[in-house]
Amino acid sequence: MLRIWHNPRCSKSRAVLDILQGKHVEFEVLNYLIRPLDAEDLRGLVRKSGEQLRSFVRTKEPEYRVTGLHDHSPEDALMRALLAYPILIERPIAETVDRAIICRPPERVLEML
């Protein structure tokens, strides 16, 4: 089953849902601002993506500056910030049992089909 970690205020995230609905694909939507990811969820997404945790961080959000994060912040500081401020998590994220991708641009979700 395809899962989409979604923020309804994000135009890219809404675009992913539109693409999937247009393809008549069954998927589950998880609004991670209402049901935040825990450390296990986040570690799983990072592992499945093959990316570094830093790839999942939105650096232009005001919360990024509030946390004191910077380009060379250690991974444990990034993890604490992402868990404390879910808005910092890059979105949308498409996930299957064995794979995860950050769907930027939104068309990247097609790689999961």
C-alpha atoms as a PDB file:
ATOM      1  CA  MET A   1       0.000   0.000   0.000  1.00  0.00           C
ATOM      2  CA  LEU A   2       1.261   3.441  -0.909  1.00  0.00           C
ATOM      3  CA  ARG A   3       1.288   5.968   1.925  1.00  0.00           C
ATOM      4  CA  ILE A   4       1.626   9.705   1.495  1.00  0.00           C
ATOM      5  CA  TRP A   5       2.932  11.768   4.385  1.00  0.00           C
ATOM      6  CA  HIS A   6       0.973  14.919   3.627  1.00  0.00           C
ATOM      7  CA  ASN A   7       0.563  18.525   4.696  1.00  0.00           C
ATOM      8  CA  PRO A   8      -2.718  19.860   3.255  1.00  0.00           C
ATOM      9  CA  ARG A   9      -1.360  23.429   3.239  1.00  0.00           C
ATOM     10  CA  CYS A  10       1.482  22.465   0.901  1.00  0.00           C
ATOM     11  CA  SER A  11       0.773  22.889  -2.813  1.00  0.00           C
ATOM     12  CA  LYS A  12       3.329  20.192  -3.732  1.00  0.00           C
ATOM     13  CA  SER A  13       1.664  17.778  -1.345  1.00  0.00           C
ATOM     14  CA  ARG A  14      -1.780  18.508  -2.783  1.00  0.00           C
ATOM     15  CA  ALA A  15      -0.353  18.043  -6.288  1.00  0.00           C
ATOM     16  CA  VAL A  16       0.837  14.536  -5.377  1.00  0.00           C
ATOM     17  CA  LEU A  17      -2.670  13.620  -4.226  1.00  0.00           C
ATOM     18  CA  ASP A  18      -4.106  14.993  -7.489  1.00  0.00           C
ATOM     19  CA  ILE A  19      -1.637  12.932  -9.543  1.00  0.00           C
ATOM     20  CA  LEU A  20      -2.499   9.744  -7.678  1.00  0.00           C
ATOM     21  CA  GLN A  21      -6.241  10.355  -7.864  1.00  0.00           C
ATOM     22  CA  GLY A  22      -5.892  10.956 -11.610  1.00  0.00           C
ATOM     23  CA  LYS A  23      -4.147   7.587 -11.937  1.00  0.00           C
ATOM     24  CA  HIS A  24      -6.859   5.890  -9.836  1.00  0.00           C
ATOM     25  CA  VAL A  25      -4.233   4.576  -7.441  1.00  0.00           C
ATOM     26  CA  GLU A  26      -5.199   3.382  -3.995  1.00  0.00           C
ATOM     27  CA  PHE A  27      -3.217   5.135  -1.279  1.00  0.00           C
ATOM     28  CA  GLU A  28      -3.337   6.162   2.345  1.00  0.00           C
ATOM     29  CA  VAL A  29      -2.913   9.797   3.378  1.00  0.00           C
ATOM     30  CA  LEU A  30      -1.234  10.600   6.675  1.00  0.00           C
ATOM     31  CA  ASN A  31      -1.362  14.233   7.734  1.00  0.00           C
ATOM     32  CA  TYR A  32       1.859  14.354   9.711  1.00  0.00           C
ATOM     33  CA  LEU A  33       0.911  17.607  11.405  1.00  0.00           C
ATOM     34  CA  ILE A  34      -2.054  15.844  13.031  1.00  0.00           C
ATOM     35  CA  ARG A  35      -0.408  12.416  13.394  1.00  0.00           C
ATOM     36  CA  PRO A  36       3.262  13.325  13.815  1.00  0.00           C
ATOM     37  CA  LEU A  37       5.984  10.931  12.868  1.00  0.00           C
ATOM     38  CA  ASP A  38       7.870   9.365  15.741  1.00  0.00           C
ATOM     39  CA  ALA A  39      11.593   8.610  15.684  1.00  0.00           C
ATOM     40  CA  GLU A  40      10.981   5.091  14.379  1.00  0.00           C
ATOM     41  CA  ASP A  41       8.806   6.400  11.510  1.00  0.00           C
ATOM     42  CA  LEU A  42      11.393   8.985  10.565  1.00  0.00           C
ATOM     43  CA  ARG A  43      14.336   6.583  10.735  1.00  0.00           C
ATOM     44  CA  GLY A  44      12.385   4.143   8.565  1.00  0.00           C
ATOM     45  CA  LEU A  45      11.681   6.785   5.927  1.00  0.00           C
ATOM     46  CA  VAL A  46      15.319   7.849   5.863  1.00  0.00           C
ATOM     47  CA  ARG A  47      16.493   4.223   5.583  1.00  0.00           C
ATOM     48  CA  LYS A  48      14.006   3.414   2.818  1.00  0.00           C
ATOM     49  CA  SER A  49      14.922   6.552   0.882  1.00  0.00           C
ATOM     50  CA  GLY A  50      18.675   5.984   0.904  1.00  0.00           C
ATOM     51  CA  GLU A  51      19.022   9.702   1.663  1.00  0.00           C
ATOM     52  CA  GLN A  52      20.568  11.448   4.635  1.00  0.00           C
ATOM     53  CA  LEU A  53      18.294  12.799   7.360  1.00  0.00           C
ATOM     54  CA  ARG A  54      19.339  16.306   6.293  1.00  0.00           C
ATOM     55  CA  SER A  55      17.391  15.772   3.022  1.00  0.00           C
ATOM     56  CA  PHE A  56      14.191  15.651   5.073  1.00  0.00           C
ATOM     57  CA  VAL A  57      14.741  19.082   6.673  1.00  0.00           C
ATOM     58  CA  ARG A  58      12.984  22.220   5.454  1.00  0.00           C
ATOM     59  CA  THR A  59      15.540  24.957   6.078  1.00  0.00           C
ATOM     60  CA  LYS A  60      13.365  27.915   5.078  1.00  0.00           C
ATOM     61  CA  GLU A  61      10.768  27.455   7.817  1.00  0.00           C
ATOM     62  CA  PRO A  62      11.002  29.917  10.749  1.00  0.00           C
ATOM     63  CA  GLU A  63      11.276  26.936  13.109  1.00  0.00           C
ATOM     64  CA  TYR A  64      14.605  26.036  11.520  1.00  0.00           C
ATOM     65  CA  ARG A  65      16.124  29.242  12.853  1.00  0.00           C
ATOM     66  CA  VAL A  66      14.314  28.923  16.209  1.00  0.00           C
ATOM     67  CA  THR A  67      15.940  25.540  16.815  1.00  0.00           C
ATOM     68  CA  GLY A  68      19.415  26.907  16.132  1.00  0.00           C
ATOM     69  CA  LEU A  69      20.001  24.389  13.335  1.00  0.00           C
ATOM     70  CA  HIS A  70      22.569  25.120  10.659  1.00  0.00           C
ATOM     71  CA  ASP A  71      24.215  23.420   7.680  1.00  0.00           C
ATOM     72  CA  HIS A  72      26.532  21.386   9.900  1.00  0.00           C
ATOM     73  CA  SER A  73      24.110  20.408  12.666  1.00  0.00           C
ATOM     74  CA  PRO A  74      24.650  16.825  13.835  1.00  0.00           C
ATOM     75  CA  GLU A  75      22.060  14.219  12.966  1.00  0.00           C
ATOM     76  CA  ASP A  76      20.815  13.883  16.549  1.00  0.00           C
ATOM     77  CA  ALA A  77      20.040  17.639  16.634  1.00  0.00           C
ATOM     78  CA  LEU A  78      18.207  17.338  13.306  1.00  0.00           C
ATOM     79  CA  MET A  79      16.187  14.392  14.596  1.00  0.00           C
ATOM     80  CA  ARG A  80      15.197  16.214  17.797  1.00  0.00           C
ATOM     81  CA  ALA A  81      14.133  19.272  15.790  1.00  0.00           C
ATOM     82  CA  LEU A  82      12.085  17.269  13.281  1.00  0.00           C
ATOM     83  CA  LEU A  83      10.276  15.459  16.073  1.00  0.00           C
ATOM     84  CA  ALA A  84       9.632  18.670  18.019  1.00  0.00           C
ATOM     85  CA  TYR A  85       8.637  20.698  14.935  1.00  0.00           C
ATOM     86  CA  PRO A  86       7.013  18.417  12.318  1.00  0.00           C
ATOM     87  CA  ILE A  87       6.549  21.434  10.019  1.00  0.00           C
ATOM     88  CA  LEU A  88      10.308  21.114   9.374  1.00  0.00           C
ATOM     89  CA  ILE A  89       9.844  17.757   7.653  1.00  0.00           C
ATOM     90  CA  GLU A  90      10.110  18.002   3.879  1.00  0.00           C
ATOM     91  CA  ARG A  91       6.964  16.975   2.103  1.00  0.00           C
ATOM     92  CA  PRO A  92       5.304  15.200   0.589  1.00  0.00           C
ATOM     93  CA  ILE A  93       6.856  11.812   1.212  1.00  0.00           C
ATOM     94  CA  ALA A  94       5.631   8.712  -0.604  1.00  0.00           C
ATOM     95  CA  GLU A  95       6.275   5.411   1.143  1.00  0.00           C
ATOM     96  CA  THR A  96       5.814   1.736   0.415  1.00  0.00           C
ATOM     97  CA  VAL A  97       6.940  -1.276   2.413  1.00  0.00           C
ATOM     98  CA  ASP A  98      10.499  -1.017   1.094  1.00  0.00           C
ATOM     99  CA  ARG A  99      10.915   2.440  -0.436  1.00  0.00           C
ATOM    100  CA  ALA A 100      10.386   6.125   0.343  1.00  0.00           C
ATOM    101  CA  ILE A 101      10.916   9.261  -1.707  1.00  0.00           C
ATOM    102  CA  ILE A 102      10.468  12.953  -1.152  1.00  0.00           C
ATOM    103  CA  CYS A 103       8.136  13.959  -3.977  1.00  0.00           C
ATOM    104  CA  ARG A 104       9.778  17.148  -5.130  1.00  0.00           C
ATOM    105  CA  PRO A 105       8.798  17.712  -7.817  1.00  0.00           C
ATOM    106  CA  PRO A 106       5.379  16.099  -7.252  1.00  0.00           C
ATOM    107  CA  GLU A 107       5.745  13.952 -10.375  1.00  0.00           C
ATOM    108  CA  ARG A 108       8.363  11.918  -8.533  1.00  0.00           C
ATOM    109  CA  VAL A 109       5.437  10.036  -6.989  1.00  0.00           C
ATOM    110  CA  LEU A 110       5.075   8.259 -10.352  1.00  0.00           C
ATOM    111  CA  GLU A 111       8.344   6.443  -9.559  1.00  0.00           C
ATOM    112  CA  MET A 112       6.416   4.598  -6.848  1.00  0.00           C
ATOM    113  CA  LEU A 113       3.794   3.180  -9.222  1.00  0.00           C
END
